[in-house]
Amino acid sequence: MIIRNAMIHDAINPEPYKGDILIEDGKIKAICKAGEAAAEGAEVIDAEGLNAYPGFVDAHSHIGLDGYGGPTGTTYDYNEMNDICCPQLRGIDSYYAQDAAIPMALEGGVTTVATGPGSANVLGGTFLAIKLYGNTVEEALVNPSVAMKCAFGENPKRCYKDKCDSARMTTAAKLREMLFQARDYMLRKEAAGDDITKMPKFDMKMEALIPVMKRDIPLKAHAHRSDDIMTAIRIAKEFNLKITIEHCTEGHLIVDELKAADVPVAVGPTLTNASKLELLNKSWTTPGVLAAAGVHVSIITDAPVIPQQYLPLCAGLAVKAGMDPFQALQAITINPARHIGIEDRVGSLEAGKDADVVLTDGDPMVSDTTVKYVIVDGKVKVQN
């Protein structure tokens, strides 16, 4: 396939340029000057007058787990409400590939997301990265385990207030307890070596936390308020863990601290009502303020809180509030790809990456722009 004469916004170079995109075997083989790409017998898309963008990426979604339509109870597969700490759960085991929200998201140019458990639990399980197509999760899968979800603030307190958690310090203590146990379990396993008689008794929760303790995957920390953000960072430092901050609603109040901590942040969902006290300082200026200070920023929908297809619109609203347009584009492409550790495959238009391309007749962050083509893994999935 050749996409010819497109205005290319590759999410790496600030200035767009006109060129051709050569696609082979689901990958971008080359990006050439306009009119120079050639491959015998290749399908050609004439993109004259169109803009080419990387497929949009959302670093924090619940699509496929919190299903579209149907009464609560038939689609509620994103929180375990009987155990406040359940790291052994895997989002892949709740993902429903036939969720009606998936084709809607693809129509909006969103091609890849990290999706997984919600925020009821102190530890909720692992997120997966998927492409938004396919009949099964196996077909859609990019990475089955990109992060371990944890949560601070109002949600664990609200969901478990009559059972075991009614204060922020309790939430922090429960997380620390699990991390202490996981570290001890891991060290005992390592010390046992091949001697099965010295192995600690198998513990599925502890096994699930070993990749976190080894820094193979980060804690994905739901934190809105500034104190919750700082608690998440403090605990990560205590245990030498990787961490990403999810939602980061009050991030603009602690800009210097976030920059010093050097942690990726995912801001959103902002196109919502302030439904709880920890959202009172929610602002569209937050991603722009943080990005301008040098913080690694992604913009998220938390779908279905904001429908997944409106991810580019959220970036546009951040631009309206003062965010640099190129930084806003990166916040829905290469930054979230890095945030979830799959930047080697998606997030920018570069040779060697997956051929995920969105062609539009204007700026996708503006509401009157039409998505003309969505190409995923080198195949046209949407054509308008």
Protein backbone atom coordinates (compact mmCIF):
# COMPACT_ATOMS: atom_id res chain seq x y z
CA MET A 1 0.00 0.00 0.00
CA ILE A 2 1.10 3.54 -0.76
CA ILE A 3 -0.44 6.62 0.84
CA ARG A 4 0.51 9.30 -1.65
CA ASN A 5 0.83 13.08 -1.33
CA ALA A 6 -0.34 13.35 2.29
CA MET A 7 0.57 16.18 4.62
CA ILE A 8 2.38 14.09 7.22
CA HIS A 9 2.20 14.89 10.93
CA ASP A 10 4.52 12.21 12.27
CA ALA A 11 4.37 13.23 15.99
CA ILE A 12 8.18 13.42 16.06
CA ASN A 13 8.92 16.50 13.93
CA PRO A 14 7.01 19.64 14.96
CA GLU A 15 6.46 20.76 11.36
CA PRO A 16 4.35 18.67 8.97
CA TYR A 17 5.67 17.83 5.52
CA LYS A 18 4.24 16.47 2.29
CA GLY A 19 5.18 12.92 1.40
CA ASP A 20 4.30 9.32 0.66
CA ILE A 21 3.99 6.47 3.15
CA LEU A 22 4.99 3.02 1.88
CA ILE A 23 3.40 0.14 3.77
CA GLU A 24 4.38 -3.53 3.52
CA ASP A 25 3.37 -6.51 5.66
CA GLY A 26 1.54 -4.32 8.15
CA LYS A 27 4.54 -2.07 8.81
CA ILE A 28 5.68 1.32 7.59
CA LYS A 29 8.51 0.43 5.24
CA ALA A 30 9.46 3.99 4.31
CA ILE A 31 8.35 7.60 4.34
CA CYS A 32 9.38 9.28 1.09
CA LYS A 33 9.11 12.61 -0.63
CA ALA A 34 5.77 13.13 -2.36
CA GLY A 35 5.51 11.02 -5.51
CA GLU A 36 8.63 8.93 -4.84
CA ALA A 37 7.22 5.84 -3.10
CA ALA A 38 6.95 2.86 -5.44
CA ALA A 39 5.95 -0.78 -5.06
CA GLU A 40 4.77 -2.96 -7.91
CA GLY A 41 1.07 -3.77 -7.70
CA ALA A 42 0.58 -1.79 -4.49
CA GLU A 43 -2.81 -0.34 -3.59
CA VAL A 44 -2.59 3.45 -3.75
CA ILE A 45 -4.56 5.88 -1.61
CA ASP A 46 -4.53 9.36 -3.07
CA ALA A 47 -4.19 11.55 0.01
CA GLU A 48 -3.84 14.87 -1.82
CA GLY A 49 -5.42 17.50 0.42
CA LEU A 50 -5.49 15.14 3.43
CA ASN A 51 -3.48 15.05 6.65
CA ALA A 52 -1.79 11.85 7.84
CA TYR A 53 -1.41 11.19 11.56
CA PRO A 54 -0.32 8.20 13.62
CA GLY A 55 -3.22 6.18 14.95
CA PHE A 56 -4.29 7.88 18.16
CA VAL A 57 -3.33 6.16 21.42
CA ASP A 58 -5.08 6.31 24.79
CA ALA A 59 -2.97 5.31 27.78
CA HIS A 60 -5.93 4.84 30.13
CA SER A 61 -9.25 3.32 29.11
CA HIS A 62 -11.73 0.70 30.26
CA ILE A 63 -13.09 -0.07 26.80
CA GLY A 64 -13.99 -3.72 26.37
CA LEU A 65 -14.34 -4.18 30.15
CA ASP A 66 -16.92 -1.48 30.96
CA GLY A 67 -19.14 -2.31 28.01
CA TYR A 68 -21.31 -0.03 25.90
CA GLY A 69 -25.04 -0.49 26.51
CA GLY A 70 -26.89 -2.95 28.68
CA PRO A 71 -27.77 -2.70 32.37
CA THR A 72 -25.12 -2.59 35.05
CA GLY A 73 -24.37 -6.15 36.00
CA THR A 74 -24.21 -7.46 32.44
CA THR A 75 -21.32 -5.21 31.46
CA TYR A 76 -19.63 -4.58 34.82
CA ASP A 77 -16.38 -6.49 34.38
CA TYR A 78 -13.78 -3.91 35.37
CA ASN A 79 -13.80 -3.94 39.19
CA GLU A 80 -13.70 -6.79 41.71
CA MET A 81 -15.84 -5.67 44.63
CA ASN A 82 -15.04 -8.48 47.09
CA ASP A 83 -11.32 -7.97 47.64
CA ILE A 84 -9.61 -4.61 48.05
CA CYS A 85 -6.22 -5.99 46.95
CA CYS A 86 -6.38 -8.28 43.92
CA PRO A 87 -3.23 -7.85 41.81
CA GLN A 88 -3.66 -11.37 40.41
CA LEU A 89 -6.53 -10.22 38.18
CA ARG A 90 -5.79 -9.61 34.49
CA GLY A 91 -7.66 -7.19 32.27
CA ILE A 92 -7.18 -9.57 29.36
CA ASP A 93 -9.58 -12.00 31.05
CA SER A 94 -12.44 -9.47 31.06
CA TYR A 95 -11.86 -7.87 27.64
CA TYR A 96 -14.87 -8.29 25.30
CA ALA A 97 -13.81 -7.81 21.69
CA GLN A 98 -17.42 -7.30 20.56
CA ASP A 99 -17.95 -4.22 22.76
CA ALA A 100 -19.98 -1.83 20.60
CA ALA A 101 -17.74 1.05 21.69
CA ILE A 102 -14.77 -0.40 19.79
CA PRO A 103 -15.87 0.39 16.19
CA MET A 104 -17.02 3.83 17.36
CA ALA A 105 -13.54 4.50 18.73
CA LEU A 106 -11.95 3.34 15.50
CA GLU A 107 -14.18 5.72 13.52
CA GLY A 108 -12.63 8.52 15.56
CA GLY A 109 -9.10 7.46 14.66
CA VAL A 110 -8.23 5.81 17.98
CA THR A 111 -6.33 2.65 17.07
CA THR A 112 -4.55 1.55 20.26
CA VAL A 113 -5.43 1.75 23.94
CA ALA A 114 -4.34 0.47 27.32
CA THR A 115 -7.43 -0.91 29.00
CA GLY A 116 -7.99 -2.71 32.24
CA PRO A 117 -9.43 -2.68 35.77
CA GLY A 118 -11.08 0.32 37.34
CA SER A 119 -10.21 2.14 40.54
CA ALA A 120 -12.32 0.48 43.25
CA ASN A 121 -9.36 -1.46 44.59
CA VAL A 122 -6.05 -0.52 46.17
CA LEU A 123 -4.61 -3.07 43.75
CA GLY A 124 -6.90 -3.98 40.88
CA GLY A 125 -4.91 -6.06 38.41
CA THR A 126 -3.05 -5.61 35.14
CA PHE A 127 -3.81 -3.46 32.11
CA LEU A 128 -3.33 -4.76 28.58
CA ALA A 129 -2.53 -2.90 25.36
CA ILE A 130 -4.75 -3.65 22.37
CA LYS A 131 -5.55 -2.56 18.84
CA LEU A 132 -9.20 -1.63 18.42
CA TYR A 133 -10.27 -4.33 16.00
CA GLY A 134 -10.60 -8.10 15.88
CA ASN A 135 -13.06 -10.78 16.92
CA THR A 136 -11.06 -11.86 19.95
CA VAL A 137 -8.68 -10.35 22.44
CA GLU A 138 -5.94 -12.57 21.03
CA GLU A 139 -6.35 -10.93 17.62
CA ALA A 140 -6.30 -7.42 19.10
CA LEU A 141 -3.51 -7.93 21.61
CA VAL A 142 -0.32 -5.85 21.61
CA ASN A 143 0.88 -6.63 25.15
CA PRO A 144 -1.08 -8.60 27.79
CA SER A 145 0.48 -6.79 30.75
CA VAL A 146 1.65 -3.18 30.51
CA ALA A 147 0.99 -1.98 34.07
CA MET A 148 -0.41 -2.90 37.49
CA LYS A 149 -3.37 -0.77 38.49
CA CYS A 150 -3.47 0.77 41.95
CA ALA A 151 -5.72 3.49 43.31
CA PHE A 152 -5.63 6.29 45.85
CA GLY A 153 -8.20 8.81 47.01
CA GLU A 154 -11.96 8.59 47.19
CA ASN A 155 -12.69 5.44 45.19
CA PRO A 156 -11.20 2.72 47.45
CA LYS A 157 -12.57 4.56 50.49
CA ARG A 158 -16.05 4.74 48.97
CA CYS A 159 -16.15 1.16 47.75
CA TYR A 160 -14.75 -0.40 50.94
CA LYS A 161 -15.77 2.07 53.64
CA ASP A 162 -17.93 -0.50 55.44
CA LYS A 163 -15.36 -3.28 55.09
CA CYS A 164 -11.75 -2.24 55.54
CA ASP A 165 -10.86 1.23 54.20
CA SER A 166 -12.19 4.60 55.31
CA ALA A 167 -9.10 6.84 55.23
CA ARG A 168 -6.31 7.73 52.82
CA MET A 169 -3.69 6.48 55.27
CA THR A 170 -5.43 3.09 55.26
CA THR A 171 -5.21 2.89 51.47
CA ALA A 172 -1.50 3.70 51.60
CA ALA A 173 -0.91 1.17 54.39
CA LYS A 174 -2.66 -1.60 52.50
CA LEU A 175 -0.57 -0.94 49.40
CA ARG A 176 2.65 -0.87 51.43
CA GLU A 177 1.72 -4.12 53.17
CA MET A 178 1.24 -5.87 49.82
CA LEU A 179 4.53 -4.49 48.50
CA PHE A 180 6.44 -5.56 51.62
CA GLN A 181 4.96 -9.05 51.28
CA ALA A 182 5.75 -9.20 47.57
CA ARG A 183 9.36 -8.14 48.12
CA ASP A 184 9.79 -10.77 50.85
CA TYR A 185 8.16 -13.46 48.67
CA MET A 186 10.35 -12.59 45.69
CA LEU A 187 13.57 -12.63 47.73
CA ARG A 188 12.67 -15.98 49.28
CA LYS A 189 12.01 -17.45 45.83
CA GLU A 190 15.32 -16.14 44.57
CA ALA A 191 17.17 -17.48 47.60
CA ALA A 192 15.59 -20.92 47.17
CA GLY A 193 16.97 -21.21 43.65
CA ASP A 194 16.16 -24.64 42.24
CA ASP A 195 15.49 -26.18 45.65
CA ILE A 196 11.71 -26.60 45.68
CA THR A 197 11.77 -27.56 49.35
CA LYS A 198 12.91 -24.05 50.24
CA MET A 199 10.39 -22.27 48.06
CA PRO A 200 7.75 -20.14 49.80
CA LYS A 201 4.21 -21.46 49.53
CA PHE A 202 2.72 -20.44 46.21
CA ASP A 203 0.80 -17.13 46.42
CA MET A 204 -0.94 -15.93 43.27
CA LYS A 205 -1.12 -12.31 44.48
CA MET A 206 2.58 -12.21 45.22
CA GLU A 207 3.42 -13.84 41.89
CA ALA A 208 1.45 -11.12 40.12
CA LEU A 209 3.43 -8.41 41.92
CA ILE A 210 6.88 -9.78 41.06
CA PRO A 211 6.99 -7.95 37.68
CA VAL A 212 6.24 -4.72 39.58
CA MET A 213 8.98 -5.38 42.13
CA LYS A 214 11.45 -6.13 39.32
CA ARG A 215 10.48 -2.91 37.51
CA ASP A 216 9.32 -4.85 34.46
CA ILE A 217 5.98 -3.00 34.61
CA PRO A 218 4.96 0.16 36.48
CA LEU A 219 2.32 0.78 39.06
CA LYS A 220 -0.46 2.62 37.25
CA ALA A 221 -1.57 4.91 40.05
CA HIS A 222 -5.06 6.42 40.00
CA ALA A 223 -4.55 9.73 41.81
CA HIS A 224 -6.51 12.97 41.39
CA ARG A 225 -5.61 15.13 44.37
CA SER A 226 -2.12 16.55 44.89
CA ASP A 227 -1.63 14.70 48.19
CA ASP A 228 -2.60 11.40 46.57
CA ILE A 229 -0.18 12.05 43.71
CA MET A 230 2.65 12.69 46.15
CA THR A 231 1.76 9.62 48.22
CA ALA A 232 1.93 7.48 45.09
CA ILE A 233 5.34 8.90 44.20
CA ARG A 234 6.58 8.52 47.78
CA ILE A 235 5.63 4.83 47.92
CA ALA A 236 7.20 4.16 44.52
CA LYS A 237 10.45 5.68 45.76
CA GLU A 238 10.34 3.65 48.98
CA PHE A 239 10.22 0.40 47.01
CA ASN A 240 12.22 1.56 43.96
CA LEU A 241 9.31 0.96 41.60
CA LYS A 242 8.35 2.38 38.27
CA ILE A 243 5.14 4.41 38.42
CA THR A 244 2.81 6.41 36.20
CA ILE A 245 0.28 8.91 37.52
CA GLU A 246 -3.20 8.47 36.11
CA HIS A 247 -5.74 11.35 36.03
CA CYS A 248 -3.40 13.84 37.74
CA THR A 249 -6.28 16.28 38.19
CA GLU A 250 -4.36 18.60 40.52
CA GLY A 251 -1.06 18.18 38.72
CA HIS A 252 -0.97 21.88 37.86
CA LEU A 253 -0.74 22.62 41.59
CA ILE A 254 2.49 20.62 42.00
CA VAL A 255 4.28 21.22 38.71
CA ASP A 256 7.79 21.49 40.18
CA GLU A 257 7.34 18.33 42.22
CA LEU A 258 6.14 16.33 39.22
CA LYS A 259 9.00 17.57 37.08
CA ALA A 260 11.49 16.65 39.82
CA ALA A 261 9.92 13.20 40.22
CA ASP A 262 10.28 12.58 36.45
CA VAL A 263 7.20 10.36 36.22
CA PRO A 264 4.85 10.11 33.22
CA VAL A 265 1.39 11.54 33.83
CA ALA A 266 -1.91 10.90 32.07
CA VAL A 267 -4.37 13.78 32.44
CA GLY A 268 -8.11 13.27 32.28
CA PRO A 269 -10.97 12.66 31.97
CA THR A 270 -11.60 16.40 31.86
CA LEU A 271 -14.76 16.54 29.75
CA THR A 272 -16.91 15.57 32.72
CA ASN A 273 -18.72 17.01 35.69
CA ALA A 274 -16.78 17.34 38.96
CA SER A 275 -18.59 14.34 40.40
CA LYS A 276 -16.56 14.15 43.63
CA LEU A 277 -14.58 16.46 45.90
CA GLU A 278 -11.18 15.45 44.52
CA LEU A 279 -12.19 16.81 41.09
CA LEU A 280 -12.94 20.36 42.21
CA ASN A 281 -9.70 21.70 40.68
CA LYS A 282 -10.19 19.96 37.35
CA SER A 283 -9.05 22.21 34.47
CA TRP A 284 -8.30 21.99 30.74
CA THR A 285 -5.15 24.00 31.42
CA THR A 286 -3.52 21.12 33.35
CA PRO A 287 -1.96 19.17 30.45
CA GLY A 288 -0.59 22.32 28.83
CA VAL A 289 0.89 23.67 32.05
CA LEU A 290 2.60 20.35 32.78
CA ALA A 291 3.86 19.84 29.22
CA ALA A 292 5.28 23.36 29.10
CA ALA A 293 7.24 22.59 32.28
CA GLY A 294 8.78 19.49 30.70
CA VAL A 295 6.58 16.82 32.31
CA HIS A 296 5.81 13.78 30.13
CA VAL A 297 2.07 14.26 29.47
CA SER A 298 -0.60 12.10 27.90
CA ILE A 299 -4.26 13.06 27.55
CA ILE A 300 -6.80 10.34 28.36
CA THR A 301 -10.53 9.72 28.15
CA ASP A 302 -10.89 7.10 30.90
CA ALA A 303 -13.43 5.65 28.46
CA PRO A 304 -16.33 5.20 28.78
CA VAL A 305 -16.25 8.19 31.15
CA ILE A 306 -15.58 10.12 27.96
CA PRO A 307 -16.46 8.06 24.87
CA GLN A 308 -13.24 6.71 23.39
CA GLN A 309 -13.70 8.37 20.00
CA TYR A 310 -13.47 11.84 21.57
CA LEU A 311 -9.80 11.49 22.50
CA PRO A 312 -8.68 13.93 19.73
CA LEU A 313 -11.40 16.38 20.80
CA CYS A 314 -10.02 16.32 24.36
CA ALA A 315 -6.61 17.26 22.96
CA GLY A 316 -8.26 20.08 21.02
CA LEU A 317 -9.90 21.43 24.17
CA ALA A 318 -6.50 21.42 25.87
CA VAL A 319 -5.16 23.45 22.94
CA LYS A 320 -8.06 25.89 23.33
CA ALA A 321 -7.01 26.27 26.98
CA GLY A 322 -3.44 27.15 25.98
CA MET A 323 -1.60 23.89 25.27
CA ASP A 324 0.90 23.92 22.41
CA PRO A 325 -0.76 22.12 19.45
CA PHE A 326 2.24 19.88 18.74
CA GLN A 327 2.50 18.89 22.40
CA ALA A 328 -1.24 18.13 22.34
CA LEU A 329 -0.73 15.87 19.30
CA GLN A 330 2.10 14.08 21.08
CA ALA A 331 -0.18 13.70 24.13
CA ILE A 332 -2.49 11.42 22.09
CA THR A 333 0.17 9.63 20.04
CA ILE A 334 3.82 9.05 21.00
CA ASN A 335 3.54 10.09 24.67
CA PRO A 336 0.82 7.56 25.58
CA ALA A 337 2.69 4.93 23.56
CA ARG A 338 5.74 5.59 25.75
CA HIS A 339 3.54 5.78 28.85
CA ILE A 340 2.44 2.17 28.31
CA GLY A 341 5.76 0.92 26.93
CA ILE A 342 4.82 0.16 23.33
CA GLU A 343 6.49 3.10 21.57
CA ASP A 344 8.55 0.69 19.48
CA ARG A 345 5.34 -0.24 17.64
CA VAL A 346 2.91 2.69 17.71
CA GLY A 347 2.57 6.41 18.42
CA SER A 348 4.45 7.95 15.47
CA LEU A 349 4.83 7.63 11.73
CA GLU A 350 8.30 6.14 11.35
CA ALA A 351 9.81 3.36 9.28
CA GLY A 352 9.63 0.03 11.07
CA LYS A 353 6.57 0.84 13.16
CA ASP A 354 3.09 -0.65 12.80
CA ALA A 355 1.23 0.87 9.86
CA ASP A 356 -1.44 2.63 11.93
CA VAL A 357 -2.39 5.76 10.00
CA VAL A 358 -5.29 8.19 10.26
CA LEU A 359 -6.14 10.38 7.25
CA THR A 360 -8.29 13.45 7.89
CA ASP A 361 -9.55 16.42 5.91
CA GLY A 362 -8.40 18.85 8.60
CA ASP A 363 -7.13 19.11 12.15
CA PRO A 364 -8.47 16.03 14.04
CA MET A 365 -8.54 18.07 17.25
CA VAL A 366 -11.25 20.29 15.72
CA SER A 367 -14.84 19.04 15.83
CA ASP A 368 -15.77 19.69 12.18
CA THR A 369 -12.90 17.58 10.80
CA THR A 370 -13.80 14.28 9.13
CA VAL A 371 -11.74 11.13 9.51
CA LYS A 372 -11.49 9.81 5.95
CA TYR A 373 -9.40 6.66 6.47
CA VAL A 374 -8.25 4.64 9.45
CA ILE A 375 -5.56 2.10 8.63
CA VAL A 376 -4.48 -0.40 11.29
CA ASP A 377 -1.62 -2.83 10.76
CA GLY A 378 -1.62 -1.86 7.09
CA LYS A 379 -5.31 -2.66 6.52
CA VAL A 380 -8.07 -0.12 5.88
CA LYS A 381 -10.53 -0.44 8.77
CA VAL A 382 -12.51 2.79 8.19
CA GLN A 383 -13.21 4.63 4.95
CA ASN A 384 -15.56 7.62 4.73
